[in-house]
PDB file of N, CA and C in Angstrom:
ATOM      1  N   MET A   1     -23.222  39.261  -0.652  1.00  0.00           N
ATOM      2  CA  MET A   1     -24.604  39.714  -0.679  1.00  0.00           C
ATOM      3  C   MET A   1     -25.427  38.857  -1.605  1.00  0.00           C
ATOM      4  N   SER A   2     -26.395  38.113  -1.054  1.00  0.00           N
ATOM      5  CA  SER A   2     -27.172  37.223  -1.922  1.00  0.00           C
ATOM      6  C   SER A   2     -28.120  37.991  -2.850  1.00  0.00           C
ATOM      7  N   ARG A   3     -28.410  37.320  -3.943  1.00  0.00           N
ATOM      8  CA  ARG A   3     -29.305  37.984  -4.913  1.00  0.00           C
ATOM      9  C   ARG A   3     -30.731  37.505  -4.745  1.00  0.00           C
ATOM     10  N   ILE A   4     -31.283  37.821  -3.654  1.00  0.00           N
ATOM     11  CA  ILE A   4     -32.651  37.411  -3.286  1.00  0.00           C
ATOM     12  C   ILE A   4     -33.424  38.629  -2.815  1.00  0.00           C
ATOM     13  N   CYS A   5     -34.643  38.766  -3.266  1.00  0.00           N
ATOM     14  CA  CYS A   5     -35.536  39.849  -2.904  1.00  0.00           C
ATOM     15  C   CYS A   5     -35.864  39.685  -1.439  1.00  0.00           C
ATOM     16  N   GLU A   6     -35.720  40.751  -0.634  1.00  0.00           N
ATOM     17  CA  GLU A   6     -35.940  40.655   0.840  1.00  0.00           C
ATOM     18  C   GLU A   6     -37.461  40.555   1.168  1.00  0.00           C
ATOM     19  N   LEU A   7     -38.328  40.922   0.284  1.00  0.00           N
ATOM     20  CA  LEU A   7     -39.747  40.906   0.607  1.00  0.00           C
ATOM     21  C   LEU A   7     -40.523  39.762  -0.042  1.00  0.00           C
ATOM     22  N   THR A   8     -40.121  39.331  -1.203  1.00  0.00           N
ATOM     23  CA  THR A   8     -40.854  38.251  -1.872  1.00  0.00           C
ATOM     24  C   THR A   8     -40.094  36.903  -1.885  1.00  0.00           C
ATOM     25  N   GLY A   9     -38.795  36.914  -1.576  1.00  0.00           N
ATOM     26  CA  GLY A   9     -38.019  35.742  -1.639  1.00  0.00           C
ATOM     27  C   GLY A   9     -37.591  35.267  -3.050  1.00  0.00           C
ATOM     28  N   LYS A  10     -37.850  36.154  -3.991  1.00  0.00           N
ATOM     29  CA  LYS A  10     -37.524  35.787  -5.419  1.00  0.00           C
ATOM     30  C   LYS A  10     -36.000  35.752  -5.554  1.00  0.00           C
ATOM     31  N   GLY A  11     -35.526  34.666  -6.116  1.00  0.00           N
ATOM     32  CA  GLY A  11     -34.030  34.481  -6.276  1.00  0.00           C
ATOM     33  C   GLY A  11     -33.719  34.164  -7.706  1.00  0.00           C
ATOM     34  N   ARG A  12     -32.491  33.614  -7.887  1.00  0.00           N
ATOM     35  CA  ARG A  12     -32.031  33.351  -9.249  1.00  0.00           C
ATOM     36  C   ARG A  12     -32.707  32.108  -9.779  1.00  0.00           C
ATOM     37  N   MET A  13     -32.838  32.024 -11.105  1.00  0.00           N
ATOM     38  CA  MET A  13     -33.389  30.879 -11.767  1.00  0.00           C
ATOM     39  C   MET A  13     -32.360  30.385 -12.765  1.00  0.00           C
ATOM     40  N   VAL A  14     -32.366  29.050 -13.003  1.00  0.00           N
ATOM     41  CA  VAL A  14     -31.420  28.435 -13.941  1.00  0.00           C
ATOM     42  C   VAL A  14     -32.126  27.986 -15.180  1.00  0.00           C
ATOM     43  N   GLY A  15     -31.505  28.218 -16.348  1.00  0.00           N
ATOM     44  CA  GLY A  15     -32.088  27.759 -17.586  1.00  0.00           C
ATOM     45  C   GLY A  15     -31.021  27.470 -18.617  1.00  0.00           C
ATOM     46  N   ASN A  16     -31.390  27.494 -19.901  1.00  0.00           N
ATOM     47  CA  ASN A  16     -30.467  27.203 -20.957  1.00  0.00           C
ATOM     48  C   ASN A  16     -30.398  28.320 -21.993  1.00  0.00           C
ATOM     49  N   ASN A  17     -29.214  28.580 -22.475  1.00  0.00           N
ATOM     50  CA  ASN A  17     -29.054  29.341 -23.732  1.00  0.00           C
ATOM     51  C   ASN A  17     -29.221  28.320 -24.882  1.00  0.00           C
ATOM     52  N   VAL A  18     -30.026  28.583 -25.837  1.00  0.00           N
ATOM     53  CA  VAL A  18     -30.245  27.679 -26.961  1.00  0.00           C
ATOM     54  C   VAL A  18     -29.798  28.349 -28.207  1.00  0.00           C
ATOM     55  N   SER A  19     -28.781  27.807 -28.840  1.00  0.00           N
ATOM     56  CA  SER A  19     -28.226  28.391 -30.071  1.00  0.00           C
ATOM     57  C   SER A  19     -29.088  28.008 -31.284  1.00  0.00           C
ATOM     58  N   HIS A  20     -28.750  28.572 -32.422  1.00  0.00           N
ATOM     59  CA  HIS A  20     -29.456  28.300 -33.638  1.00  0.00           C
ATOM     60  C   HIS A  20     -29.358  26.815 -34.027  1.00  0.00           C
ATOM     61  N   ALA A  21     -28.202  26.214 -33.654  1.00  0.00           N
ATOM     62  CA  ALA A  21     -27.952  24.766 -33.901  1.00  0.00           C
ATOM     63  C   ALA A  21     -28.563  23.906 -32.811  1.00  0.00           C
ATOM     64  N   ASN A  22     -29.323  24.513 -31.900  1.00  0.00           N
ATOM     65  CA  ASN A  22     -30.032  23.822 -30.798  1.00  0.00           C
ATOM     66  C   ASN A  22     -29.043  23.290 -29.750  1.00  0.00           C
ATOM     67  N   ASN A  23     -27.816  23.872 -29.673  1.00  0.00           N
ATOM     68  CA  ASN A  23     -26.890  23.524 -28.604  1.00  0.00           C
ATOM     69  C   ASN A  23     -27.418  24.198 -27.346  1.00  0.00           C
ATOM     70  N   ARG A  24     -27.286  23.498 -26.196  1.00  0.00           N
ATOM     71  CA  ARG A  24     -27.796  24.067 -24.926  1.00  0.00           C
ATOM     72  C   ARG A  24     -26.666  24.237 -23.944  1.00  0.00           C
ATOM     73  N   THR A  25     -26.545  25.395 -23.356  1.00  0.00           N
ATOM     74  CA  THR A  25     -25.557  25.684 -22.336  1.00  0.00           C
ATOM     75  C   THR A  25     -26.276  26.360 -21.184  1.00  0.00           C
ATOM     76  N   LYS A  26     -25.852  25.970 -19.974  1.00  0.00           N
ATOM     77  CA  LYS A  26     -26.520  26.492 -18.762  1.00  0.00           C
ATOM     78  C   LYS A  26     -26.297  28.006 -18.617  1.00  0.00           C
ATOM     79  N   ARG A  27     -27.310  28.667 -18.069  1.00  0.00           N
ATOM     80  CA  ARG A  27     -27.162  30.076 -17.756  1.00  0.00           C
ATOM     81  C   ARG A  27     -28.040  30.395 -16.536  1.00  0.00           C
ATOM     82  N   VAL A  28     -27.846  31.597 -16.043  1.00  0.00           N
ATOM     83  CA  VAL A  28     -28.559  32.044 -14.823  1.00  0.00           C
ATOM     84  C   VAL A  28     -29.384  33.257 -15.110  1.00  0.00           C
ATOM     85  N   PHE A  29     -30.615  33.320 -14.653  1.00  0.00           N
ATOM     86  CA  PHE A  29     -31.481  34.412 -14.725  1.00  0.00           C
ATOM     87  C   PHE A  29     -31.553  35.082 -13.395  1.00  0.00           C
ATOM     88  N   LEU A  30     -31.121  36.356 -13.264  1.00  0.00           N
ATOM     89  CA  LEU A  30     -31.088  37.057 -11.941  1.00  0.00           C
ATOM     90  C   LEU A  30     -32.305  38.015 -11.872  1.00  0.00           C
ATOM     91  N   PRO A  31     -32.825  38.136 -10.657  1.00  0.00           N
ATOM     92  CA  PRO A  31     -33.934  39.069 -10.470  1.00  0.00           C
ATOM     93  C   PRO A  31     -33.401  40.520 -10.553  1.00  0.00           C
ATOM     94  N   ASN A  32     -34.244  41.441 -10.929  1.00  0.00           N
ATOM     95  CA  ASN A  32     -33.907  42.849 -11.053  1.00  0.00           C
ATOM     96  C   ASN A  32     -34.035  43.522  -9.705  1.00  0.00           C
ATOM     97  N   LEU A  33     -32.950  43.442  -8.907  1.00  0.00           N
ATOM     98  CA  LEU A  33     -32.938  43.990  -7.545  1.00  0.00           C
ATOM     99  C   LEU A  33     -32.609  45.491  -7.503  1.00  0.00           C
ATOM    100  N   GLN A  34     -33.293  46.211  -6.685  1.00  0.00           N
ATOM    101  CA  GLN A  34     -33.045  47.646  -6.520  1.00  0.00           C
ATOM    102  C   GLN A  34     -32.990  47.914  -4.998  1.00  0.00           C
ATOM    103  N   LYS A  35     -32.105  48.860  -4.611  1.00  0.00           N
ATOM    104  CA  LYS A  35     -31.995  49.332  -3.243  1.00  0.00           C
ATOM    105  C   LYS A  35     -33.013  50.452  -3.110  1.00  0.00           C
ATOM    106  N   VAL A  36     -34.052  50.234  -2.240  1.00  0.00           N
ATOM    107  CA  VAL A  36     -35.108  51.264  -2.061  1.00  0.00           C
ATOM    108  C   VAL A  36     -35.325  51.537  -0.593  1.00  0.00           C
ATOM    109  N   THR A  37     -35.834  52.671  -0.282  1.00  0.00           N
ATOM    110  CA  THR A  37     -36.265  53.008   1.072  1.00  0.00           C
ATOM    111  C   THR A  37     -37.824  53.075   1.015  1.00  0.00           C
ATOM    112  N   LEU A  38     -38.492  52.153   1.687  1.00  0.00           N
ATOM    113  CA  LEU A  38     -39.939  52.114   1.753  1.00  0.00           C
ATOM    114  C   LEU A  38     -40.405  52.729   3.071  1.00  0.00           C
ATOM    115  N   LEU A  39     -41.469  53.516   2.965  1.00  0.00           N
ATOM    116  CA  LEU A  39     -41.982  54.221   4.163  1.00  0.00           C
ATOM    117  C   LEU A  39     -43.026  53.398   4.893  1.00  0.00           C
ATOM    118  N   SER A  40     -42.859  53.328   6.174  1.00  0.00           N
ATOM    119  CA  SER A  40     -43.845  52.627   7.010  1.00  0.00           C
ATOM    120  C   SER A  40     -44.751  53.683   7.671  1.00  0.00           C
ATOM    121  N   GLU A  41     -46.042  53.632   7.444  1.00  0.00           N
ATOM    122  CA  GLU A  41     -46.961  54.586   8.008  1.00  0.00           C
ATOM    123  C   GLU A  41     -47.121  54.446   9.503  1.00  0.00           C
ATOM    124  N   LYS A  42     -47.142  53.209   9.926  1.00  0.00           N
ATOM    125  CA  LYS A  42     -47.375  52.949  11.408  1.00  0.00           C
ATOM    126  C   LYS A  42     -46.156  53.252  12.238  1.00  0.00           C
ATOM    127  N   LEU A  43     -44.921  53.045  11.643  1.00  0.00           N
ATOM    128  CA  LEU A  43     -43.638  53.280  12.366  1.00  0.00           C
ATOM    129  C   LEU A  43     -43.142  54.699  12.114  1.00  0.00           C
ATOM    130  N   ASP A  44     -43.723  55.434  11.171  1.00  0.00           N
ATOM    131  CA  ASP A  44     -43.324  56.785  10.813  1.00  0.00           C
ATOM    132  C   ASP A  44     -41.845  56.909  10.485  1.00  0.00           C
ATOM    133  N   ARG A  45     -41.312  55.993   9.711  1.00  0.00           N
ATOM    134  CA  ARG A  45     -39.927  56.039   9.284  1.00  0.00           C
ATOM    135  C   ARG A  45     -39.710  55.210   8.000  1.00  0.00           C
ATOM    136  N   GLY A  46     -38.600  55.452   7.341  1.00  0.00           N
ATOM    137  CA  GLY A  46     -38.229  54.699   6.169  1.00  0.00           C
ATOM    138  C   GLY A  46     -37.342  53.545   6.504  1.00  0.00           C
ATOM    139  N   ILE A  47     -37.495  52.444   5.752  1.00  0.00           N
ATOM    140  CA  ILE A  47     -36.709  51.186   5.969  1.00  0.00           C
ATOM    141  C   ILE A  47     -36.098  50.871   4.611  1.00  0.00           C
ATOM    142  N   LYS A  48     -34.743  50.560   4.652  1.00  0.00           N
ATOM    143  CA  LYS A  48     -34.063  50.231   3.371  1.00  0.00           C
ATOM    144  C   LYS A  48     -34.144  48.712   3.125  1.00  0.00           C
ATOM    145  N   PHE A  49     -34.467  48.345   1.881  1.00  0.00           N
ATOM    146  CA  PHE A  49     -34.595  46.999   1.473  1.00  0.00           C
ATOM    147  C   PHE A  49     -33.903  46.784   0.103  1.00  0.00           C
ATOM    148  N   ARG A  50     -33.520  45.612  -0.248  1.00  0.00           N
ATOM    149  CA  ARG A  50     -33.158  45.211  -1.625  1.00  0.00           C
ATOM    150  C   ARG A  50     -34.345  44.415  -2.141  1.00  0.00           C
ATOM    151  N   VAL A  51     -35.084  45.042  -3.104  1.00  0.00           N
ATOM    152  CA  VAL A  51     -36.349  44.485  -3.515  1.00  0.00           C
ATOM    153  C   VAL A  51     -36.277  44.353  -5.043  1.00  0.00           C
ATOM    154  N   SER A  52     -36.890  43.244  -5.524  1.00  0.00           N
ATOM    155  CA  SER A  52     -37.063  43.111  -6.981  1.00  0.00           C
ATOM    156  C   SER A  52     -38.148  44.118  -7.455  1.00  0.00           C
ATOM    157  N   THR A  53     -38.075  44.487  -8.721  1.00  0.00           N
ATOM    158  CA  THR A  53     -39.059  45.436  -9.215  1.00  0.00           C
ATOM    159  C   THR A  53     -40.458  44.810  -9.207  1.00  0.00           C
ATOM    160  N   ALA A  54     -40.562  43.549  -9.415  1.00  0.00           N
ATOM    161  CA  ALA A  54     -41.872  42.896  -9.342  1.00  0.00           C
ATOM    162  C   ALA A  54     -42.340  42.927  -7.883  1.00  0.00           C
ATOM    163  N   GLY A  55     -41.462  42.739  -6.909  1.00  0.00           N
ATOM    164  CA  GLY A  55     -41.875  42.829  -5.508  1.00  0.00           C
ATOM    165  C   GLY A  55     -42.308  44.205  -5.105  1.00  0.00           C
ATOM    166  N   LEU A  56     -41.657  45.224  -5.717  1.00  0.00           N
ATOM    167  CA  LEU A  56     -42.024  46.588  -5.419  1.00  0.00           C
ATOM    168  C   LEU A  56     -43.387  46.874  -5.933  1.00  0.00           C
ATOM    169  N   ARG A  57     -43.758  46.453  -7.111  1.00  0.00           N
ATOM    170  CA  ARG A  57     -45.107  46.568  -7.646  1.00  0.00           C
ATOM    171  C   ARG A  57     -46.115  45.890  -6.769  1.00  0.00           C
ATOM    172  N   SER A  58     -45.733  44.720  -6.293  1.00  0.00           N
ATOM    173  CA  SER A  58     -46.668  43.954  -5.397  1.00  0.00           C
ATOM    174  C   SER A  58     -46.990  44.703  -4.088  1.00  0.00           C
ATOM    175  N   VAL A  59     -45.896  45.316  -3.519  1.00  0.00           N
ATOM    176  CA  VAL A  59     -46.065  46.062  -2.314  1.00  0.00           C
ATOM    177  C   VAL A  59     -46.993  47.246  -2.551  1.00  0.00           C
ATOM    178  N   GLU A  60     -46.789  47.951  -3.627  1.00  0.00           N
ATOM    179  CA  GLU A  60     -47.679  49.090  -3.980  1.00  0.00           C
ATOM    180  C   GLU A  60     -49.146  48.659  -4.194  1.00  0.00           C
ATOM    181  N   HIS A  61     -49.279  47.453  -4.853  1.00  0.00           N
ATOM    182  CA  HIS A  61     -50.597  46.990  -5.171  1.00  0.00           C
ATOM    183  C   HIS A  61     -51.370  46.603  -3.860  1.00  0.00           C
ATOM    184  N   ASN A  62     -50.650  46.133  -2.828  1.00  0.00           N
ATOM    185  CA  ASN A  62     -51.279  45.706  -1.597  1.00  0.00           C
ATOM    186  C   ASN A  62     -51.463  46.828  -0.620  1.00  0.00           C
ATOM    187  N   GLY A  63     -51.175  48.075  -0.994  1.00  0.00           N
ATOM    188  CA  GLY A  63     -51.473  49.192  -0.100  1.00  0.00           C
ATOM    189  C   GLY A  63     -50.313  49.623   0.773  1.00  0.00           C
ATOM    190  N   GLY A  64     -49.101  49.302   0.405  1.00  0.00           N
ATOM    191  CA  GLY A  64     -47.954  49.823   1.127  1.00  0.00           C
ATOM    192  C   GLY A  64     -47.197  48.725   1.887  1.00  0.00           C
ATOM    193  N   LEU A  65     -46.083  49.130   2.486  1.00  0.00           N
ATOM    194  CA  LEU A  65     -45.193  48.232   3.187  1.00  0.00           C
ATOM    195  C   LEU A  65     -45.863  47.522   4.366  1.00  0.00           C
ATOM    196  N   ASP A  66     -46.601  48.263   5.136  1.00  0.00           N
ATOM    197  CA  ASP A  66     -47.216  47.737   6.389  1.00  0.00           C
ATOM    198  C   ASP A  66     -48.158  46.549   6.030  1.00  0.00           C
ATOM    199  N   ASN A  67     -49.054  46.786   5.085  1.00  0.00           N
ATOM    200  CA  ASN A  67     -49.981  45.740   4.683  1.00  0.00           C
ATOM    201  C   ASN A  67     -49.306  44.560   4.107  1.00  0.00           C
ATOM    202  N   TRP A  68     -48.241  44.800   3.285  1.00  0.00           N
ATOM    203  CA  TRP A  68     -47.508  43.701   2.665  1.00  0.00           C
ATOM    204  C   TRP A  68     -46.840  42.820   3.707  1.00  0.00           C
ATOM    205  N   LEU A  69     -46.182  43.398   4.671  1.00  0.00           N
ATOM    206  CA  LEU A  69     -45.453  42.630   5.663  1.00  0.00           C
ATOM    207  C   LEU A  69     -46.446  41.780   6.547  1.00  0.00           C
ATOM    208  N   LEU A  70     -47.549  42.367   6.921  1.00  0.00           N
ATOM    209  CA  LEU A  70     -48.514  41.680   7.770  1.00  0.00           C
ATOM    210  C   LEU A  70     -49.169  40.550   7.014  1.00  0.00           C
ATOM    211  N   LYS A  71     -49.326  40.583   5.709  1.00  0.00           N
ATOM    212  CA  LYS A  71     -49.980  39.555   4.942  1.00  0.00           C
ATOM    213  C   LYS A  71     -48.982  38.451   4.497  1.00  0.00           C
ATOM    214  N   THR A  72     -47.713  38.711   4.394  1.00  0.00           N
ATOM    215  CA  THR A  72     -46.784  37.760   3.793  1.00  0.00           C
ATOM    216  C   THR A  72     -46.319  36.750   4.873  1.00  0.00           C
ATOM    217  N   ALA A  73     -46.136  35.489   4.432  1.00  0.00           N
ATOM    218  CA  ALA A  73     -45.656  34.478   5.271  1.00  0.00           C
ATOM    219  C   ALA A  73     -44.179  34.753   5.703  1.00  0.00           C
ATOM    220  N   ASP A  74     -43.844  34.336   6.956  1.00  0.00           N
ATOM    221  CA  ASP A  74     -42.473  34.578   7.481  1.00  0.00           C
ATOM    222  C   ASP A  74     -41.422  33.873   6.678  1.00  0.00           C
ATOM    223  N   SER A  75     -41.724  32.743   6.092  1.00  0.00           N
ATOM    224  CA  SER A  75     -40.721  32.010   5.311  1.00  0.00           C
ATOM    225  C   SER A  75     -40.209  32.705   4.097  1.00  0.00           C
ATOM    226  N   LYS A  76     -40.986  33.638   3.524  1.00  0.00           N
ATOM    227  CA  LYS A  76     -40.514  34.379   2.338  1.00  0.00           C
ATOM    228  C   LYS A  76     -39.714  35.605   2.695  1.00  0.00           C
ATOM    229  N   LEU A  77     -39.794  36.065   3.970  1.00  0.00           N
ATOM    230  CA  LEU A  77     -39.155  37.369   4.341  1.00  0.00           C
ATOM    231  C   LEU A  77     -37.740  37.146   4.817  1.00  0.00           C
ATOM    232  N   SER A  78     -36.910  38.189   4.606  1.00  0.00           N
ATOM    233  CA  SER A  78     -35.565  38.196   5.136  1.00  0.00           C
ATOM    234  C   SER A  78     -35.574  38.518   6.656  1.00  0.00           C
ATOM    235  N   LYS A  79     -34.364  38.425   7.225  1.00  0.00           N
ATOM    236  CA  LYS A  79     -34.240  38.760   8.627  1.00  0.00           C
ATOM    237  C   LYS A  79     -34.667  40.207   8.948  1.00  0.00           C
ATOM    238  N   ASN A  80     -34.170  41.051   8.067  1.00  0.00           N
ATOM    239  CA  ASN A  80     -34.491  42.484   8.219  1.00  0.00           C
ATOM    240  C   ASN A  80     -35.984  42.707   8.155  1.00  0.00           C
ATOM    241  N   ALA A  81     -36.653  42.079   7.173  1.00  0.00           N
ATOM    242  CA  ALA A  81     -38.073  42.282   6.984  1.00  0.00           C
ATOM    243  C   ALA A  81     -38.839  41.670   8.173  1.00  0.00           C
ATOM    244  N   LEU A  82     -38.410  40.545   8.708  1.00  0.00           N
ATOM    245  CA  LEU A  82     -39.040  39.946   9.858  1.00  0.00           C
ATOM    246  C   LEU A  82     -38.951  40.846  11.086  1.00  0.00           C
ATOM    247  N   LYS A  83     -37.810  41.507  11.208  1.00  0.00           N
ATOM    248  CA  LYS A  83     -37.613  42.450  12.395  1.00  0.00           C
ATOM    249  C   LYS A  83     -38.669  43.579  12.257  1.00  0.00           C
ATOM    250  N   VAL A  84     -38.828  44.130  11.081  1.00  0.00           N
ATOM    251  CA  VAL A  84     -39.758  45.247  10.893  1.00  0.00           C
ATOM    252  C   VAL A  84     -41.207  44.711  11.080  1.00  0.00           C
ATOM    253  N   LYS A  85     -41.475  43.474  10.661  1.00  0.00           N
ATOM    254  CA  LYS A  85     -42.796  42.910  10.807  1.00  0.00           C
ATOM    255  C   LYS A  85     -43.193  42.727  12.318  1.00  0.00           C
ATOM    256  N   ARG A  86     -42.191  42.339  13.120  1.00  0.00           N
ATOM    257  CA  ARG A  86     -42.405  42.217  14.566  1.00  0.00           C
ATOM    258  C   ARG A  86     -42.669  43.575  15.158  1.00  0.00           C
ATOM    259  N   GLU A  87     -41.945  44.616  14.734  1.00  0.00           N
ATOM    260  CA  GLU A  87     -42.158  45.954  15.220  1.00  0.00           C
ATOM    261  C   GLU A  87     -43.586  46.396  14.881  1.00  0.00           C
ATOM    262  N   LEU A  88     -44.073  46.126  13.685  1.00  0.00           N
ATOM    263  CA  LEU A  88     -45.419  46.498  13.264  1.00  0.00           C
ATOM    264  C   LEU A  88     -46.478  45.764  14.132  1.00  0.00           C
ATOM    265  N   GLN A  89     -46.188  44.486  14.422  1.00  0.00           N
ATOM    266  CA  GLN A  89     -47.148  43.766  15.259  1.00  0.00           C
ATOM    267  C   GLN A  89     -47.215  44.285  16.687  1.00  0.00           C
ATOM    268  N   LYS A  90     -46.056  44.713  17.173  1.00  0.00           N
ATOM    269  CA  LYS A  90     -46.009  45.363  18.510  1.00  0.00           C
ATOM    270  C   LYS A  90     -46.765  46.661  18.530  1.00  0.00           C
ATOM    271  N   ALA A  91     -46.621  47.435  17.448  1.00  0.00           N
ATOM    272  CA  ALA A  91     -47.301  48.718  17.331  1.00  0.00           C
ATOM    273  C   ALA A  91     -48.811  48.537  17.220  1.00  0.00           C
ATOM    274  N   ASP A  92     -49.299  47.460  16.509  1.00  0.00           N
ATOM    275  CA  ASP A  92     -50.644  47.157  16.472  1.00  0.00           C
ATOM    276  C   ASP A  92     -51.208  46.714  17.857  1.00  0.00           C
ATOM    277  N   ALA A  93     -50.433  45.930  18.570  1.00  0.00           N
ATOM    278  CA  ALA A  93     -50.870  45.485  19.842  1.00  0.00           C
ATOM    279  C   ALA A  93     -50.969  46.623  20.865  1.00  0.00           C
ATOM    280  N   ALA A  94     -50.074  47.554  20.738  1.00  0.00           N
ATOM    281  CA  ALA A  94     -50.030  48.706  21.665  1.00  0.00           C
ATOM    282  C   ALA A  94     -51.182  49.709  21.350  1.00  0.00           C
ATOM    283  N   ALA A  95     -51.658  49.742  20.100  1.00  0.00           N
ATOM    284  CA  ALA A  95     -52.712  50.696  19.707  1.00  0.00           C
ATOM    285  C   ALA A  95     -54.059  50.229  20.031  1.00  0.00           C
TER     286      ALA A  95
END
């Protein structure tokens, strides 16, 4: 299971631990991923995602999952999120 946010594409970052003697060793910064069920208003169901906490705040700021998916570029989304986005687009076209 990769450590990448399914909605924002946020992944691990690489940096250095710096000691008091200024010795540098490589380290990894991981995103704070949470398993959440987000509700889609147009599809009337919940969808499970692994989302970073920053991504979760962004979704809430943009007015919910439906608005977020329709505004976000396909390159940032996971396969699961792309599938939900296509379902939303079909629901919009049918309405």
